[in-house]
């Protein structure tokens, strides 16, 4: 996070969107409230200011610069030489932000998150979650926004997408079966949520990261 920290201290990020590794996003936002921290994308550009999330995010940003200046052929060639992805778009989400993120500090939010992850195929509507937590739906939404940066519905979609991403890379289950196991109403719904969060399709994610069938 050190580059972002120095830029924020110098006021270069004030009023701008900036990204960093998800593990440091809350700290950066607390230290520099004038910065609009967004921990979702791999990299961000706000006019002439660019920020990236982690080492590989910086590689993706560099490849984007190369493609703009010298064309996609050179960018692909460099990616192959570095043995990295041919190129991921900046709006693709940081995979596993949900699985690896620390548990929320707030007791109600933490208990609700634990229930969500253990019951992905159940009724996870905001009303049902609020009843389980013993608070109103509006209060639960405020708590989730304050402690996770997402509404309960957004968090549920992300939890299901994260679970799907794990099954895609660890099994050869059909898309429809994975969708059912993760609580999606259909494979197409899963595809749309995956696109929204990761900027890629489930089939493409499996092709890049998943197991190879015999």
N, C-alpha and C. Protein backbone atom coordinates (compact mmCIF):
# COMPACT_ATOMS: atom_id res chain seq x y z
N UNK A 1 0.83 -1.21 0.00
CA UNK A 1 0.00 0.00 0.00
C UNK A 1 0.86 1.26 0.00
N UNK A 2 2.16 1.12 0.13
CA UNK A 2 3.01 2.27 0.42
C UNK A 2 2.92 3.37 -0.64
N UNK A 3 2.84 2.99 -1.91
CA UNK A 3 2.73 4.00 -2.95
C UNK A 3 1.46 4.82 -2.82
N UNK A 4 0.34 4.14 -2.56
CA UNK A 4 -0.93 4.83 -2.37
C UNK A 4 -0.89 5.72 -1.15
N UNK A 5 -0.25 5.23 -0.08
CA UNK A 5 -0.16 6.01 1.16
C UNK A 5 0.59 7.31 0.92
N UNK A 6 1.70 7.23 0.22
CA UNK A 6 2.48 8.45 -0.05
C UNK A 6 1.70 9.41 -0.94
N UNK A 7 1.04 8.87 -1.95
CA UNK A 7 0.26 9.71 -2.85
C UNK A 7 -0.89 10.38 -2.10
N UNK A 8 -1.53 9.62 -1.19
CA UNK A 8 -2.62 10.18 -0.40
C UNK A 8 -2.11 11.25 0.55
N UNK A 9 -0.96 11.01 1.18
CA UNK A 9 -0.39 12.00 2.09
C UNK A 9 -0.07 13.30 1.36
N UNK A 10 0.32 13.18 0.10
CA UNK A 10 0.65 14.37 -0.69
C UNK A 10 -0.58 15.07 -1.25
N UNK A 11 -1.76 14.49 -1.02
CA UNK A 11 -3.00 15.09 -1.51
C UNK A 11 -3.30 14.80 -2.97
N UNK A 12 -2.50 13.92 -3.59
CA UNK A 12 -2.69 13.63 -5.02
C UNK A 12 -3.96 12.83 -5.30
N UNK A 13 -4.46 12.14 -4.28
CA UNK A 13 -5.65 11.30 -4.48
C UNK A 13 -6.93 11.94 -3.93
N UNK A 14 -6.84 13.12 -3.38
CA UNK A 14 -8.03 13.77 -2.81
C UNK A 14 -9.11 13.94 -3.87
N UNK A 15 -10.31 13.47 -3.54
CA UNK A 15 -11.44 13.60 -4.45
C UNK A 15 -11.41 12.63 -5.60
N UNK A 16 -10.46 11.72 -5.63
CA UNK A 16 -10.33 10.79 -6.74
C UNK A 16 -10.65 9.36 -6.28
N UNK A 17 -11.04 8.53 -7.26
CA UNK A 17 -11.19 7.10 -7.00
C UNK A 17 -9.80 6.47 -7.05
N UNK A 18 -9.52 5.60 -6.10
CA UNK A 18 -8.24 4.90 -6.06
C UNK A 18 -8.47 3.50 -5.53
N UNK A 19 -7.68 2.57 -6.01
CA UNK A 19 -7.78 1.20 -5.53
C UNK A 19 -6.49 0.79 -4.85
N UNK A 20 -6.57 -0.27 -4.07
CA UNK A 20 -5.42 -0.88 -3.44
C UNK A 20 -5.80 -2.32 -3.13
N UNK A 21 -4.87 -3.10 -2.62
CA UNK A 21 -5.19 -4.47 -2.23
C UNK A 21 -6.33 -4.43 -1.21
N UNK A 22 -7.28 -5.36 -1.35
CA UNK A 22 -8.47 -5.34 -0.48
C UNK A 22 -8.10 -5.33 1.01
N UNK A 23 -6.97 -5.97 1.38
CA UNK A 23 -6.61 -6.07 2.79
C UNK A 23 -6.26 -4.71 3.40
N UNK A 24 -5.90 -3.73 2.56
CA UNK A 24 -5.49 -2.42 3.07
C UNK A 24 -6.51 -1.33 2.76
N UNK A 25 -7.60 -1.69 2.11
CA UNK A 25 -8.55 -0.68 1.65
C UNK A 25 -9.18 0.10 2.80
N UNK A 26 -9.62 -0.63 3.84
CA UNK A 26 -10.28 0.05 4.96
C UNK A 26 -9.31 1.00 5.67
N UNK A 27 -8.06 0.56 5.84
CA UNK A 27 -7.07 1.40 6.50
C UNK A 27 -6.80 2.66 5.69
N UNK A 28 -6.66 2.51 4.37
CA UNK A 28 -6.41 3.66 3.52
C UNK A 28 -7.58 4.64 3.58
N UNK A 29 -8.81 4.12 3.55
CA UNK A 29 -9.99 4.98 3.59
C UNK A 29 -10.11 5.70 4.93
N UNK A 30 -9.76 5.03 6.02
CA UNK A 30 -9.84 5.67 7.34
C UNK A 30 -8.78 6.76 7.50
N UNK A 31 -7.60 6.52 7.00
CA UNK A 31 -6.53 7.50 7.13
C UNK A 31 -6.73 8.70 6.23
N UNK A 32 -7.38 8.48 5.09
CA UNK A 32 -7.51 9.55 4.09
C UNK A 32 -8.96 9.59 3.58
N UNK A 33 -9.87 10.16 4.37
CA UNK A 33 -11.29 10.16 4.00
C UNK A 33 -11.59 10.94 2.73
N UNK A 34 -10.68 11.80 2.28
CA UNK A 34 -10.91 12.54 1.04
C UNK A 34 -10.71 11.67 -0.19
N UNK A 35 -10.12 10.49 0.00
CA UNK A 35 -9.89 9.58 -1.13
C UNK A 35 -11.08 8.64 -1.26
N UNK A 36 -11.59 8.45 -2.47
CA UNK A 36 -12.71 7.55 -2.72
C UNK A 36 -12.15 6.15 -3.00
N UNK A 37 -11.90 5.41 -1.93
CA UNK A 37 -11.25 4.11 -2.06
C UNK A 37 -12.23 3.06 -2.58
N UNK A 38 -11.82 2.34 -3.61
CA UNK A 38 -12.63 1.27 -4.19
C UNK A 38 -11.74 0.03 -4.28
N UNK A 39 -12.00 -0.96 -3.44
CA UNK A 39 -11.14 -2.15 -3.39
C UNK A 39 -11.54 -3.23 -4.37
N UNK A 40 -12.52 -2.96 -5.23
CA UNK A 40 -13.00 -4.01 -6.13
C UNK A 40 -12.11 -4.24 -7.35
N UNK A 41 -11.78 -3.19 -8.15
CA UNK A 41 -11.08 -3.45 -9.42
C UNK A 41 -9.60 -3.75 -9.25
N UNK A 42 -9.02 -4.32 -10.31
CA UNK A 42 -7.59 -4.60 -10.33
C UNK A 42 -6.77 -3.33 -10.45
N UNK A 43 -7.27 -2.39 -11.24
CA UNK A 43 -6.61 -1.09 -11.32
C UNK A 43 -7.63 -0.03 -11.73
N UNK A 44 -7.30 1.20 -11.44
CA UNK A 44 -8.20 2.32 -11.70
C UNK A 44 -7.43 3.47 -12.32
N UNK A 45 -8.10 4.19 -13.19
CA UNK A 45 -7.54 5.44 -13.71
C UNK A 45 -8.54 6.56 -13.45
N UNK A 46 -8.06 7.61 -12.86
CA UNK A 46 -8.85 8.82 -12.65
C UNK A 46 -8.05 9.96 -13.25
N UNK A 47 -8.40 10.29 -14.50
CA UNK A 47 -7.63 11.25 -15.30
C UNK A 47 -6.17 10.77 -15.40
N UNK A 48 -5.22 11.54 -14.90
CA UNK A 48 -3.82 11.16 -15.05
C UNK A 48 -3.28 10.36 -13.87
N UNK A 49 -4.14 10.05 -12.90
CA UNK A 49 -3.72 9.29 -11.72
C UNK A 49 -4.16 7.83 -11.87
N UNK A 50 -3.20 6.91 -11.72
CA UNK A 50 -3.50 5.48 -11.85
C UNK A 50 -3.08 4.75 -10.57
N UNK A 51 -3.90 3.82 -10.12
CA UNK A 51 -3.59 3.00 -8.96
C UNK A 51 -3.92 1.56 -9.28
N UNK A 52 -3.23 0.63 -8.63
CA UNK A 52 -3.46 -0.79 -8.89
C UNK A 52 -3.53 -1.55 -7.57
N UNK A 53 -4.06 -2.78 -7.65
CA UNK A 53 -4.22 -3.62 -6.46
C UNK A 53 -3.20 -4.74 -6.51
N UNK A 54 -2.18 -4.65 -5.70
CA UNK A 54 -1.20 -5.72 -5.62
C UNK A 54 -0.24 -5.75 -6.80
N UNK A 55 0.64 -6.75 -6.80
CA UNK A 55 1.69 -6.85 -7.82
C UNK A 55 1.12 -7.19 -9.19
N UNK A 56 0.24 -8.18 -9.25
CA UNK A 56 -0.28 -8.57 -10.56
C UNK A 56 -1.19 -7.49 -11.14
N UNK A 57 -1.89 -6.74 -10.28
CA UNK A 57 -2.69 -5.62 -10.78
C UNK A 57 -1.83 -4.58 -11.46
N UNK A 58 -0.63 -4.36 -10.91
CA UNK A 58 0.30 -3.42 -11.53
C UNK A 58 0.76 -3.93 -12.89
N UNK A 59 0.95 -5.24 -13.01
CA UNK A 59 1.31 -5.82 -14.31
C UNK A 59 0.19 -5.59 -15.33
N UNK A 60 -1.05 -5.80 -14.91
CA UNK A 60 -2.18 -5.57 -15.81
C UNK A 60 -2.23 -4.12 -16.26
N UNK A 61 -2.00 -3.20 -15.33
CA UNK A 61 -2.00 -1.78 -15.67
C UNK A 61 -0.87 -1.46 -16.65
N UNK A 62 0.31 -2.03 -16.42
CA UNK A 62 1.44 -1.80 -17.31
C UNK A 62 1.14 -2.32 -18.71
N UNK A 63 0.54 -3.51 -18.81
CA UNK A 63 0.19 -4.05 -20.11
C UNK A 63 -0.85 -3.17 -20.82
N UNK A 64 -1.76 -2.59 -20.04
CA UNK A 64 -2.73 -1.67 -20.64
C UNK A 64 -2.04 -0.45 -21.23
N UNK A 65 -1.03 0.08 -20.52
CA UNK A 65 -0.25 1.21 -21.05
C UNK A 65 0.45 0.81 -22.35
N UNK A 66 1.07 -0.36 -22.35
CA UNK A 66 1.80 -0.83 -23.54
C UNK A 66 0.84 -0.96 -24.72
N UNK A 67 -0.34 -1.52 -24.48
CA UNK A 67 -1.31 -1.70 -25.57
C UNK A 67 -1.74 -0.35 -26.13
N UNK A 68 -1.97 0.63 -25.26
CA UNK A 68 -2.38 1.95 -25.73
C UNK A 68 -1.30 2.60 -26.59
N UNK A 69 -0.04 2.46 -26.18
CA UNK A 69 1.05 3.15 -26.87
C UNK A 69 1.57 2.38 -28.08
N UNK A 70 1.54 1.04 -28.01
CA UNK A 70 2.21 0.25 -29.04
C UNK A 70 1.35 -0.85 -29.66
N UNK A 71 0.11 -0.98 -29.21
CA UNK A 71 -0.79 -1.95 -29.81
C UNK A 71 -0.87 -3.26 -29.05
N UNK A 72 -1.94 -4.05 -29.31
CA UNK A 72 -2.18 -5.29 -28.56
C UNK A 72 -1.16 -6.38 -28.83
N UNK A 73 -0.55 -6.40 -30.02
CA UNK A 73 0.39 -7.48 -30.34
C UNK A 73 1.59 -7.45 -29.38
N UNK A 74 2.16 -6.27 -29.17
CA UNK A 74 3.29 -6.15 -28.26
C UNK A 74 2.87 -6.46 -26.83
N UNK A 75 1.68 -6.00 -26.42
CA UNK A 75 1.20 -6.28 -25.07
C UNK A 75 1.06 -7.79 -24.85
N UNK A 76 0.52 -8.51 -25.82
CA UNK A 76 0.38 -9.97 -25.70
C UNK A 76 1.75 -10.65 -25.65
N UNK A 77 2.68 -10.15 -26.46
CA UNK A 77 4.02 -10.73 -26.47
C UNK A 77 4.69 -10.57 -25.11
N UNK A 78 4.57 -9.39 -24.52
CA UNK A 78 5.17 -9.15 -23.20
C UNK A 78 4.51 -10.02 -22.14
N UNK A 79 3.19 -10.18 -22.23
CA UNK A 79 2.47 -11.01 -21.26
C UNK A 79 2.96 -12.45 -21.33
N UNK A 80 3.17 -12.96 -22.54
CA UNK A 80 3.68 -14.33 -22.68
C UNK A 80 5.07 -14.46 -22.08
N UNK A 81 5.93 -13.46 -22.32
CA UNK A 81 7.28 -13.51 -21.78
C UNK A 81 7.28 -13.48 -20.25
N UNK A 82 6.32 -12.78 -19.67
CA UNK A 82 6.24 -12.69 -18.21
C UNK A 82 5.46 -13.85 -17.60
N UNK A 83 4.90 -14.72 -18.47
CA UNK A 83 4.09 -15.86 -18.04
C UNK A 83 2.96 -15.37 -17.14
N UNK A 84 2.23 -14.39 -17.61
CA UNK A 84 1.10 -13.85 -16.88
C UNK A 84 -0.13 -13.92 -17.77
N UNK A 85 -1.29 -13.45 -17.28
CA UNK A 85 -2.50 -13.42 -18.07
C UNK A 85 -2.27 -12.60 -19.34
N UNK A 86 -2.92 -13.00 -20.43
CA UNK A 86 -2.75 -12.23 -21.66
C UNK A 86 -3.18 -10.80 -21.44
N UNK A 87 -4.18 -10.58 -20.66
CA UNK A 87 -4.48 -9.25 -20.11
C UNK A 87 -5.86 -9.28 -19.47
N UNK A 88 -5.94 -8.73 -18.28
CA UNK A 88 -7.22 -8.61 -17.59
C UNK A 88 -7.59 -7.13 -17.57
N UNK A 89 -8.87 -6.87 -17.76
CA UNK A 89 -9.31 -5.48 -17.77
C UNK A 89 -9.28 -4.92 -16.36
N UNK A 90 -9.17 -3.59 -16.27
CA UNK A 90 -9.09 -2.94 -14.97
C UNK A 90 -10.32 -3.13 -14.12
N UNK A 91 -11.49 -3.27 -14.77
CA UNK A 91 -12.71 -3.40 -13.98
C UNK A 91 -12.97 -4.82 -13.50
N UNK A 92 -12.08 -5.76 -13.85
CA UNK A 92 -12.23 -7.10 -13.30
C UNK A 92 -11.93 -7.07 -11.81
N UNK A 93 -12.76 -7.75 -11.05
CA UNK A 93 -12.62 -7.67 -9.60
C UNK A 93 -11.45 -8.49 -9.10
N UNK A 94 -10.96 -8.13 -7.91
CA UNK A 94 -9.94 -8.91 -7.24
C UNK A 94 -10.60 -10.21 -6.75
N UNK A 95 -10.22 -11.33 -7.38
CA UNK A 95 -10.82 -12.60 -7.03
C UNK A 95 -10.52 -12.93 -5.56
N UNK A 96 -11.51 -13.53 -4.91
CA UNK A 96 -11.40 -14.00 -3.52
C UNK A 96 -11.37 -12.87 -2.50
N UNK A 97 -11.92 -11.72 -2.84
CA UNK A 97 -12.00 -10.66 -1.84
C UNK A 97 -12.90 -11.09 -0.69
N UNK A 98 -13.92 -11.86 -0.98
CA UNK A 98 -14.85 -12.28 0.07
C UNK A 98 -14.26 -13.42 0.91
N UNK A 99 -13.70 -14.43 0.23
CA UNK A 99 -13.23 -15.62 0.94
C UNK A 99 -12.11 -15.27 1.91
N UNK A 100 -11.18 -14.40 1.51
CA UNK A 100 -9.99 -14.15 2.32
C UNK A 100 -10.10 -12.93 3.23
N UNK A 101 -11.13 -12.12 3.07
CA UNK A 101 -11.24 -10.89 3.86
C UNK A 101 -11.49 -11.23 5.33
N UNK A 102 -10.98 -10.42 6.24
CA UNK A 102 -11.21 -10.68 7.66
C UNK A 102 -12.69 -10.52 8.02
N UNK A 103 -13.13 -11.25 9.05
CA UNK A 103 -14.52 -11.17 9.48
C UNK A 103 -14.83 -9.77 9.99
N UNK A 104 -16.06 -9.28 9.73
CA UNK A 104 -16.43 -7.96 10.24
C UNK A 104 -16.36 -7.90 11.76
N UNK A 105 -16.05 -6.72 12.29
CA UNK A 105 -15.93 -6.55 13.73
C UNK A 105 -17.29 -6.58 14.43
N UNK A 106 -18.32 -6.06 13.76
CA UNK A 106 -19.62 -5.94 14.40
C UNK A 106 -20.26 -7.31 14.59
N UNK A 107 -20.77 -7.57 15.80
CA UNK A 107 -21.30 -8.89 16.12
C UNK A 107 -22.45 -9.30 15.21
N UNK A 108 -23.41 -8.40 14.98
CA UNK A 108 -24.56 -8.76 14.15
C UNK A 108 -24.13 -9.01 12.72
N UNK A 109 -23.26 -8.17 12.21
CA UNK A 109 -22.80 -8.35 10.83
C UNK A 109 -22.01 -9.65 10.70
N UNK A 110 -21.15 -9.91 11.67
CA UNK A 110 -20.34 -11.13 11.63
C UNK A 110 -21.22 -12.38 11.65
N UNK A 111 -22.21 -12.39 12.53
CA UNK A 111 -23.11 -13.54 12.60
C UNK A 111 -23.92 -13.71 11.31
N UNK A 112 -24.34 -12.61 10.74
CA UNK A 112 -25.11 -12.68 9.50
C UNK A 112 -24.23 -13.17 8.36
N UNK A 113 -22.99 -12.70 8.30
CA UNK A 113 -22.06 -13.16 7.27
C UNK A 113 -21.82 -14.67 7.41
N UNK A 114 -21.64 -15.13 8.65
CA UNK A 114 -21.44 -16.56 8.87
C UNK A 114 -22.65 -17.37 8.42
N UNK A 115 -23.84 -16.84 8.66
CA UNK A 115 -25.05 -17.53 8.21
C UNK A 115 -25.11 -17.56 6.68
N UNK A 116 -24.78 -16.45 6.04
CA UNK A 116 -24.80 -16.40 4.57
C UNK A 116 -23.88 -17.45 3.98
N UNK A 117 -22.65 -17.50 4.45
CA UNK A 117 -21.68 -18.41 3.87
C UNK A 117 -22.03 -19.87 4.10
N UNK A 118 -22.77 -20.15 5.17
CA UNK A 118 -23.15 -21.53 5.49
C UNK A 118 -24.46 -21.95 4.85
N UNK A 119 -25.22 -20.99 4.32
CA UNK A 119 -26.56 -21.30 3.77
C UNK A 119 -26.77 -20.61 2.42
N UNK A 120 -25.86 -20.83 1.50
CA UNK A 120 -25.93 -20.11 0.21
C UNK A 120 -27.18 -20.48 -0.59
N UNK A 121 -27.73 -21.66 -0.38
CA UNK A 121 -28.91 -22.06 -1.15
C UNK A 121 -30.21 -21.69 -0.45
N UNK A 122 -30.12 -21.08 0.72
CA UNK A 122 -31.32 -20.72 1.47
C UNK A 122 -31.88 -19.38 1.09
N UNK A 123 -32.90 -18.95 1.84
CA UNK A 123 -33.49 -17.63 1.64
C UNK A 123 -32.58 -16.59 2.27
N UNK A 124 -31.87 -15.84 1.44
CA UNK A 124 -30.94 -14.83 1.92
C UNK A 124 -31.39 -13.43 1.53
N UNK A 125 -32.68 -13.25 1.39
CA UNK A 125 -33.20 -11.91 1.16
C UNK A 125 -32.97 -11.03 2.38
N UNK A 126 -32.96 -9.75 2.18
CA UNK A 126 -32.67 -8.83 3.28
C UNK A 126 -33.67 -8.98 4.41
N UNK A 127 -34.93 -9.19 4.09
CA UNK A 127 -35.96 -9.34 5.14
C UNK A 127 -35.69 -10.58 5.97
N UNK A 128 -35.35 -11.69 5.30
CA UNK A 128 -35.08 -12.94 6.04
C UNK A 128 -33.84 -12.80 6.90
N UNK A 129 -32.81 -12.15 6.38
CA UNK A 129 -31.58 -11.96 7.15
C UNK A 129 -31.82 -11.03 8.34
N UNK A 130 -32.62 -9.99 8.11
CA UNK A 130 -32.91 -9.05 9.20
C UNK A 130 -33.70 -9.74 10.31
N UNK A 131 -34.65 -10.59 9.95
CA UNK A 131 -35.41 -11.32 10.96
C UNK A 131 -34.49 -12.23 11.76
N UNK A 132 -33.58 -12.89 11.06
CA UNK A 132 -32.62 -13.76 11.74
C UNK A 132 -31.74 -12.97 12.71
N UNK A 133 -31.35 -11.76 12.28
CA UNK A 133 -30.46 -10.93 13.11
C UNK A 133 -31.21 -10.20 14.21
N UNK A 134 -32.53 -10.14 14.12
CA UNK A 134 -33.31 -9.46 15.14
C UNK A 134 -33.32 -7.95 15.01
N UNK A 135 -33.12 -7.45 13.77
CA UNK A 135 -33.14 -6.01 13.52
C UNK A 135 -34.01 -5.75 12.30
N UNK A 136 -34.28 -4.48 12.03
CA UNK A 136 -35.05 -4.14 10.84
C UNK A 136 -34.18 -4.27 9.60
N UNK A 137 -34.82 -4.43 8.46
CA UNK A 137 -34.08 -4.52 7.21
C UNK A 137 -33.27 -3.27 6.94
N UNK A 138 -33.84 -2.12 7.26
CA UNK A 138 -33.14 -0.86 7.04
C UNK A 138 -31.89 -0.76 7.92
N UNK A 139 -32.03 -1.20 9.18
CA UNK A 139 -30.87 -1.14 10.09
C UNK A 139 -29.79 -2.11 9.65
N UNK A 140 -30.19 -3.30 9.20
CA UNK A 140 -29.21 -4.27 8.73
C UNK A 140 -28.47 -3.74 7.51
N UNK A 141 -29.19 -3.07 6.62
CA UNK A 141 -28.54 -2.49 5.43
C UNK A 141 -27.50 -1.45 5.83
N UNK A 142 -27.85 -0.61 6.84
CA UNK A 142 -26.90 0.41 7.30
C UNK A 142 -25.66 -0.26 7.91
N UNK A 143 -25.88 -1.31 8.69
CA UNK A 143 -24.75 -2.01 9.31
C UNK A 143 -23.83 -2.63 8.26
N UNK A 144 -24.43 -3.25 7.26
CA UNK A 144 -23.62 -3.89 6.22
C UNK A 144 -22.85 -2.86 5.41
N UNK A 145 -23.49 -1.77 5.08
CA UNK A 145 -22.78 -0.73 4.33
C UNK A 145 -21.61 -0.18 5.14
N UNK A 146 -21.83 -0.01 6.43
CA UNK A 146 -20.78 0.55 7.28
C UNK A 146 -19.62 -0.39 7.52
N UNK A 147 -19.89 -1.72 7.55
CA UNK A 147 -18.85 -2.68 7.94
C UNK A 147 -18.33 -3.53 6.79
N UNK A 148 -19.05 -3.59 5.67
CA UNK A 148 -18.56 -4.37 4.53
C UNK A 148 -18.47 -3.54 3.25
N UNK A 149 -19.11 -2.35 3.28
CA UNK A 149 -19.11 -1.53 2.08
C UNK A 149 -20.15 -1.97 1.05
N UNK A 150 -21.00 -2.91 1.43
CA UNK A 150 -22.02 -3.44 0.51
C UNK A 150 -23.35 -3.58 1.24
N UNK A 151 -24.44 -3.57 0.48
CA UNK A 151 -25.73 -3.89 1.05
C UNK A 151 -25.79 -5.40 1.28
N UNK A 152 -26.74 -5.87 2.09
CA UNK A 152 -26.86 -7.32 2.27
C UNK A 152 -27.04 -8.07 0.95
N UNK A 153 -27.86 -7.53 0.06
CA UNK A 153 -28.09 -8.20 -1.23
C UNK A 153 -26.81 -8.26 -2.05
N UNK A 154 -26.05 -7.18 -2.06
CA UNK A 154 -24.78 -7.18 -2.79
C UNK A 154 -23.81 -8.18 -2.18
N UNK A 155 -23.78 -8.25 -0.86
CA UNK A 155 -22.88 -9.18 -0.19
C UNK A 155 -23.26 -10.62 -0.51
N UNK A 156 -24.55 -10.92 -0.53
CA UNK A 156 -25.01 -12.27 -0.86
C UNK A 156 -24.59 -12.64 -2.28
N UNK A 157 -24.78 -11.73 -3.22
CA UNK A 157 -24.38 -12.02 -4.61
C UNK A 157 -22.88 -12.30 -4.70
N UNK A 158 -22.09 -11.50 -3.97
CA UNK A 158 -20.65 -11.70 -3.99
C UNK A 158 -20.27 -13.03 -3.34
N UNK A 159 -20.90 -13.37 -2.23
CA UNK A 159 -20.62 -14.65 -1.56
C UNK A 159 -20.92 -15.81 -2.50
N UNK A 160 -22.02 -15.73 -3.20
CA UNK A 160 -22.37 -16.80 -4.13
C UNK A 160 -21.41 -16.85 -5.32
N UNK A 161 -21.01 -15.69 -5.80
CA UNK A 161 -20.05 -15.65 -6.90
C UNK A 161 -18.70 -16.22 -6.47
N UNK A 162 -18.28 -15.90 -5.24
CA UNK A 162 -17.02 -16.43 -4.73
C UNK A 162 -17.08 -17.95 -4.62
N UNK A 163 -18.19 -18.46 -4.09
CA UNK A 163 -18.33 -19.92 -3.98
C UNK A 163 -18.30 -20.57 -5.36
N UNK A 164 -18.96 -19.93 -6.32
CA UNK A 164 -18.96 -20.45 -7.69
C UNK A 164 -17.55 -20.45 -8.27
N UNK A 165 -16.78 -19.39 -8.00
CA UNK A 165 -15.42 -19.32 -8.54
C UNK A 165 -14.57 -20.46 -8.01
N UNK A 166 -14.79 -20.85 -6.73
CA UNK A 166 -14.02 -21.95 -6.15
C UNK A 166 -14.41 -23.28 -6.80
N UNK A 167 -15.69 -23.50 -7.03
CA UNK A 167 -16.13 -24.74 -7.67
C UNK A 167 -15.69 -24.81 -9.13
N UNK A 168 -15.66 -23.68 -9.79
CA UNK A 168 -15.24 -23.65 -11.20
C UNK A 168 -13.80 -24.10 -11.37
N UNK A 169 -12.94 -23.72 -10.42
CA UNK A 169 -11.52 -24.05 -10.57
C UNK A 169 -11.15 -25.37 -9.91
N UNK A 170 -12.02 -25.93 -9.08
CA UNK A 170 -11.67 -27.15 -8.35
C UNK A 170 -12.46 -28.37 -8.78
N UNK A 171 -13.49 -28.19 -9.64
CA UNK A 171 -14.31 -29.32 -10.08
C UNK A 171 -14.58 -29.21 -11.58
N UNK A 172 -15.16 -30.26 -12.11
CA UNK A 172 -15.62 -30.23 -13.51
C UNK A 172 -17.15 -30.29 -13.56
N UNK A 173 -17.80 -29.89 -12.48
CA UNK A 173 -19.26 -29.88 -12.45
C UNK A 173 -19.83 -28.99 -13.56
N UNK A 174 -20.97 -29.37 -14.13
CA UNK A 174 -21.61 -28.50 -15.14
C UNK A 174 -22.02 -27.16 -14.52
N UNK A 175 -22.16 -26.16 -15.38
CA UNK A 175 -22.51 -24.82 -14.92
C UNK A 175 -23.82 -24.81 -14.13
N UNK A 176 -24.80 -25.56 -14.62
CA UNK A 176 -26.11 -25.56 -13.95
C UNK A 176 -25.99 -26.14 -12.54
N UNK A 177 -25.16 -27.15 -12.37
CA UNK A 177 -24.98 -27.76 -11.04
C UNK A 177 -24.28 -26.80 -10.09
N UNK A 178 -23.28 -26.10 -10.60
CA UNK A 178 -22.58 -25.12 -9.77
C UNK A 178 -23.53 -23.99 -9.37
N UNK A 179 -24.34 -23.54 -10.31
CA UNK A 179 -25.31 -22.48 -10.01
C UNK A 179 -26.25 -22.91 -8.89
N UNK A 180 -26.76 -24.13 -8.95
CA UNK A 180 -27.67 -24.62 -7.91
C UNK A 180 -26.96 -24.70 -6.56
N UNK A 181 -25.75 -25.22 -6.54
CA UNK A 181 -25.01 -25.38 -5.28
C UNK A 181 -24.70 -24.04 -4.62
N UNK A 182 -24.61 -22.99 -5.42
CA UNK A 182 -24.24 -21.68 -4.88
C UNK A 182 -25.45 -20.77 -4.67
N UNK A 183 -26.65 -21.28 -4.91
CA UNK A 183 -27.85 -20.52 -4.61
C UNK A 183 -28.37 -19.65 -5.73
N UNK A 184 -27.83 -19.79 -6.94
CA UNK A 184 -28.34 -19.01 -8.07
C UNK A 184 -29.56 -19.69 -8.66
N UNK A 185 -30.47 -18.90 -9.17
CA UNK A 185 -31.70 -19.47 -9.73
C UNK A 185 -31.45 -20.18 -11.06
N UNK A 186 -30.38 -19.82 -11.74
CA UNK A 186 -30.05 -20.45 -13.02
C UNK A 186 -28.58 -20.18 -13.35
N UNK A 187 -28.08 -20.92 -14.34
CA UNK A 187 -26.70 -20.69 -14.80
C UNK A 187 -26.56 -19.30 -15.42
N UNK A 188 -27.62 -18.82 -16.06
CA UNK A 188 -27.56 -17.48 -16.67
C UNK A 188 -27.48 -16.40 -15.60
N UNK A 189 -28.22 -16.57 -14.51
CA UNK A 189 -28.11 -15.61 -13.40
C UNK A 189 -26.69 -15.61 -12.84
N UNK A 190 -26.13 -16.80 -12.67
CA UNK A 190 -24.75 -16.88 -12.19
C UNK A 190 -23.81 -16.17 -13.15
N UNK A 191 -24.02 -16.36 -14.43
CA UNK A 191 -23.16 -15.72 -15.43
C UNK A 191 -23.21 -14.20 -15.32
N UNK A 192 -24.42 -13.65 -15.15
CA UNK A 192 -24.56 -12.20 -15.05
C UNK A 192 -23.88 -11.65 -13.79
N UNK A 193 -24.07 -12.34 -12.67
CA UNK A 193 -23.45 -11.89 -11.42
C UNK A 193 -21.93 -11.99 -11.53
N UNK A 194 -21.44 -13.06 -12.15
CA UNK A 194 -20.01 -13.24 -12.34
C UNK A 194 -19.44 -12.10 -13.20
N UNK A 195 -20.14 -11.76 -14.26
CA UNK A 195 -19.70 -10.66 -15.12
C UNK A 195 -19.66 -9.35 -14.36
N UNK A 196 -20.68 -9.10 -13.55
CA UNK A 196 -20.75 -7.86 -12.79
C UNK A 196 -19.58 -7.73 -11.81
N UNK A 197 -19.24 -8.84 -11.14
CA UNK A 197 -18.22 -8.78 -10.10
C UNK A 197 -16.80 -8.94 -10.63
N UNK A 198 -16.62 -9.83 -11.62
CA UNK A 198 -15.27 -10.17 -12.05
C UNK A 198 -14.92 -9.70 -13.46
N UNK A 199 -15.89 -9.20 -14.20
CA UNK A 199 -15.60 -8.74 -15.55
C UNK A 199 -15.28 -9.85 -16.51
N UNK A 200 -15.64 -11.09 -16.18
CA UNK A 200 -15.41 -12.23 -17.06
C UNK A 200 -16.53 -13.23 -16.84
N UNK A 201 -16.65 -14.21 -17.72
CA UNK A 201 -17.71 -15.20 -17.60
C UNK A 201 -17.23 -16.41 -16.80
N UNK A 202 -18.15 -17.19 -16.23
CA UNK A 202 -17.74 -18.41 -15.53
C UNK A 202 -16.95 -19.36 -16.43
N UNK A 203 -17.39 -19.52 -17.68
CA UNK A 203 -16.69 -20.44 -18.58
C UNK A 203 -15.28 -19.97 -18.87
N UNK A 204 -15.08 -18.64 -19.02
CA UNK A 204 -13.75 -18.12 -19.26
C UNK A 204 -12.88 -18.27 -18.01
N UNK A 205 -13.46 -18.04 -16.85
CA UNK A 205 -12.72 -18.21 -15.60
C UNK A 205 -12.24 -19.65 -15.46
N UNK A 206 -13.12 -20.60 -15.77
CA UNK A 206 -12.73 -22.02 -15.69
C UNK A 206 -11.66 -22.35 -16.72
N UNK A 207 -11.78 -21.80 -17.92
CA UNK A 207 -10.79 -22.10 -18.97
C UNK A 207 -9.40 -21.63 -18.58
N UNK A 208 -9.33 -20.49 -17.87
CA UNK A 208 -8.03 -19.92 -17.49
C UNK A 208 -7.48 -20.59 -16.24
N UNK A 209 -8.36 -20.81 -15.23
CA UNK A 209 -7.87 -21.24 -13.92
C UNK A 209 -8.25 -22.68 -13.55
N UNK A 210 -9.19 -23.28 -14.27
CA UNK A 210 -9.78 -24.52 -13.78
C UNK A 210 -9.05 -25.78 -14.19
N UNK A 211 -9.62 -26.91 -13.75
CA UNK A 211 -9.00 -28.22 -14.06
C UNK A 211 -9.18 -28.56 -15.51
N UNK A 212 -8.32 -29.40 -16.00
CA UNK A 212 -8.40 -29.87 -17.38
C UNK A 212 -9.04 -31.26 -17.41
N UNK A 213 -10.07 -31.39 -18.22
CA UNK A 213 -10.73 -32.69 -18.34
C UNK A 213 -9.84 -33.63 -19.14
N UNK A 214 -9.91 -34.92 -18.79
CA UNK A 214 -9.12 -35.91 -19.51
C UNK A 214 -9.67 -36.10 -20.92
